[in-house]
């Protein structure tokens, strides 16, 4: 069969720009491919990892493995802030994709996944650098999503009953 060809070290900056452009053109598969080529040359390239994670999360509605692959790539990010923030994005996009697709049990899973995203954004917000409100912006987007979709909520078993003593 055919073999992949390596790209040159000198082309990495241009390749990163192309990956971003392909994401903006709604061609996340192309962006993913470019990021994987970059990561073959520089496995710890944080910008390529972030681009890869975002390209994978763009594919969640169409690819059953995209979420799992994105979360696996998150572990390669160097800072706990980046790990929490980008894993939160993966959970948020998974929830919103499931909500768009509906399906059996969608309401329950969507709510749980959005709450998980919010937990991760909350963690990232606590670790953020001064002036970086990205995690707060994502948290707020999740809150607004839940406000617009009032049918989403915890399941009956998630709502705790008060303990009444005699």
Protein backbone atom coordinates (compact mmCIF):
# COMPACT_ATOMS: atom_id res chain seq x y z
CA UNK A 1 0.00 0.00 0.00
CA UNK A 2 1.05 3.64 0.13
CA UNK A 3 3.23 5.11 2.87
CA UNK A 4 2.94 8.47 4.53
CA UNK A 5 5.65 10.96 3.65
CA UNK A 6 7.20 13.10 6.39
CA UNK A 7 7.04 16.87 6.20
CA UNK A 8 10.12 19.01 6.78
CA UNK A 9 10.89 20.83 10.01
CA UNK A 10 10.96 24.09 8.05
CA UNK A 11 7.32 23.67 7.01
CA UNK A 12 5.81 23.38 10.51
CA UNK A 13 4.69 27.01 10.89
CA UNK A 14 3.03 27.00 7.48
CA UNK A 15 1.44 23.62 8.16
CA UNK A 16 -0.05 24.92 11.44
CA UNK A 17 -1.53 27.88 9.56
CA UNK A 18 -3.00 25.50 6.96
CA UNK A 19 -4.54 23.33 9.68
CA UNK A 20 -6.25 26.38 11.17
CA UNK A 21 -7.47 27.47 7.73
CA UNK A 22 -8.94 24.00 7.04
CA UNK A 23 -10.79 24.13 10.37
CA UNK A 24 -12.21 27.53 9.42
CA UNK A 25 -13.27 26.09 6.05
CA UNK A 26 -15.15 23.35 7.95
CA UNK A 27 -12.78 20.65 6.77
CA UNK A 28 -11.65 19.23 10.11
CA UNK A 29 -10.46 15.95 8.60
CA UNK A 30 -7.89 17.84 6.54
CA UNK A 31 -6.84 19.82 9.62
CA UNK A 32 -6.51 16.59 11.62
CA UNK A 33 -4.29 15.06 8.94
CA UNK A 34 -1.99 18.08 8.89
CA UNK A 35 -1.74 18.11 12.70
CA UNK A 36 -0.81 14.43 12.71
CA UNK A 37 1.95 15.15 10.17
CA UNK A 38 3.28 17.95 12.38
CA UNK A 39 3.16 15.72 15.48
CA UNK A 40 5.22 13.05 13.67
CA UNK A 41 8.04 15.62 13.47
CA UNK A 42 7.41 17.35 16.83
CA UNK A 43 5.37 15.05 19.11
CA UNK A 44 5.12 17.66 21.90
CA UNK A 45 4.11 20.60 19.68
CA UNK A 46 1.40 22.15 21.86
CA UNK A 47 -0.15 24.25 19.10
CA UNK A 48 -0.48 21.19 16.84
CA UNK A 49 -2.00 19.19 19.72
CA UNK A 50 -4.54 21.93 20.42
CA UNK A 51 -5.38 22.16 16.72
CA UNK A 52 -5.72 18.37 16.57
CA UNK A 53 -8.04 18.31 19.58
CA UNK A 54 -10.23 21.04 18.08
CA UNK A 55 -10.28 19.33 14.67
CA UNK A 56 -11.32 16.08 16.33
CA UNK A 57 -14.06 17.78 18.34
CA UNK A 58 -15.31 19.37 15.11
CA UNK A 59 -15.84 15.81 13.85
CA UNK A 60 -17.82 14.53 16.86
CA UNK A 61 -21.21 14.69 15.08
CA UNK A 62 -19.94 12.44 12.27
CA UNK A 63 -17.25 10.23 13.81
CA UNK A 64 -18.00 7.89 16.71
CA UNK A 65 -14.31 7.83 17.73
CA UNK A 66 -13.62 11.56 17.54
CA UNK A 67 -14.50 12.31 21.18
CA UNK A 68 -12.35 9.47 22.54
CA UNK A 69 -9.45 10.45 20.30
CA UNK A 70 -9.73 14.11 21.35
CA UNK A 71 -9.72 13.25 25.06
CA UNK A 72 -6.72 10.96 24.55
CA UNK A 73 -4.83 13.83 22.88
CA UNK A 74 -5.69 16.13 25.82
CA UNK A 75 -3.43 14.04 28.06
CA UNK A 76 -0.45 15.13 25.93
CA UNK A 77 -0.97 18.82 26.72
CA UNK A 78 1.64 20.17 29.12
CA UNK A 79 -0.38 22.31 31.53
CA UNK A 80 -3.27 21.28 33.74
CA UNK A 81 -5.09 24.46 32.61
CA UNK A 82 -4.90 23.37 28.94
CA UNK A 83 -5.91 19.83 29.83
CA UNK A 84 -8.99 20.97 31.76
CA UNK A 85 -9.96 23.62 29.22
CA UNK A 86 -9.68 21.46 26.10
CA UNK A 87 -11.24 18.41 27.73
CA UNK A 88 -14.11 20.70 28.71
CA UNK A 89 -14.47 21.73 25.07
CA UNK A 90 -14.59 18.05 24.06
CA UNK A 91 -17.37 17.31 26.57
CA UNK A 92 -19.31 20.44 25.58
CA UNK A 93 -19.12 19.65 21.86
CA UNK A 94 -20.07 16.03 22.51
CA UNK A 95 -23.14 17.17 24.43
CA UNK A 96 -24.19 19.67 21.79
CA UNK A 97 -23.69 17.14 18.99
CA UNK A 98 -25.85 14.63 20.86
CA UNK A 99 -28.47 17.31 21.42
CA UNK A 100 -28.53 18.12 17.69
CA UNK A 101 -28.81 14.45 16.78
CA UNK A 102 -31.38 13.75 19.47
CA UNK A 103 -31.74 10.00 19.88
CA UNK A 104 -32.73 7.80 22.77
CA UNK A 105 -31.61 9.11 26.14
CA UNK A 106 -30.28 12.32 24.59
CA UNK A 107 -31.75 14.59 27.28
CA UNK A 108 -30.09 12.73 30.11
CA UNK A 109 -26.68 12.38 28.50
CA UNK A 110 -26.61 15.93 27.15
CA UNK A 111 -27.22 17.38 30.60
CA UNK A 112 -24.61 15.15 32.26
CA UNK A 113 -22.02 15.93 29.59
CA UNK A 114 -22.62 19.69 29.78
CA UNK A 115 -22.25 19.53 33.57
CA UNK A 116 -18.96 17.64 33.11
CA UNK A 117 -17.78 20.34 30.68
CA UNK A 118 -18.72 23.00 33.23
CA UNK A 119 -16.79 21.17 35.96
CA UNK A 120 -13.71 21.18 33.73
CA UNK A 121 -14.16 24.84 32.77
CA UNK A 122 -14.48 25.67 36.46
CA UNK A 123 -11.20 23.83 37.12
CA UNK A 124 -9.52 25.66 34.23
CA UNK A 125 -10.85 29.03 35.45
CA UNK A 126 -9.19 28.43 38.82
CA UNK A 127 -5.86 27.80 37.04
CA UNK A 128 -6.04 30.55 34.42
CA UNK A 129 -3.53 33.30 33.92
CA UNK A 130 -4.64 36.84 34.71
CA UNK A 131 -6.67 38.27 31.85
CA UNK A 132 -7.52 34.85 30.37
CA UNK A 133 -11.26 34.42 30.68
CA UNK A 134 -11.62 31.70 28.01
CA UNK A 135 -12.85 29.13 30.53
CA UNK A 136 -15.35 31.63 31.97
CA UNK A 137 -16.65 32.34 28.46
CA UNK A 138 -17.14 28.60 27.83
CA UNK A 139 -18.82 28.17 31.25
CA UNK A 140 -21.23 30.99 30.38
CA UNK A 141 -21.96 29.43 26.96
CA UNK A 142 -22.89 26.18 28.73
CA UNK A 143 -25.17 28.00 31.18
CA UNK A 144 -26.91 29.77 28.28
CA UNK A 145 -27.26 26.46 26.42
CA UNK A 146 -29.00 24.93 29.45
CA UNK A 147 -31.18 28.04 29.80
CA UNK A 148 -32.30 27.72 26.17
CA UNK A 149 -32.97 24.01 26.57
CA UNK A 150 -35.08 23.82 29.71
CA UNK A 151 -36.03 20.22 28.92
CA UNK A 152 -32.50 19.20 29.91
CA UNK A 153 -31.91 18.42 33.54
CA UNK A 154 -30.72 15.86 36.01
CA UNK A 155 -32.42 12.48 36.05
CA UNK A 156 -34.60 11.53 39.00
CA UNK A 157 -31.83 9.38 40.50
CA UNK A 158 -29.43 12.37 40.33
CA UNK A 159 -31.70 14.48 42.53
CA UNK A 160 -30.98 13.67 46.15
CA UNK A 161 -33.76 13.44 48.66
CA UNK A 162 -33.25 15.10 52.02
CA UNK A 163 -32.62 12.71 54.89
CA UNK A 164 -35.39 12.97 57.40
CA UNK A 165 -34.57 11.83 60.91
CA UNK A 166 -37.05 10.74 63.49
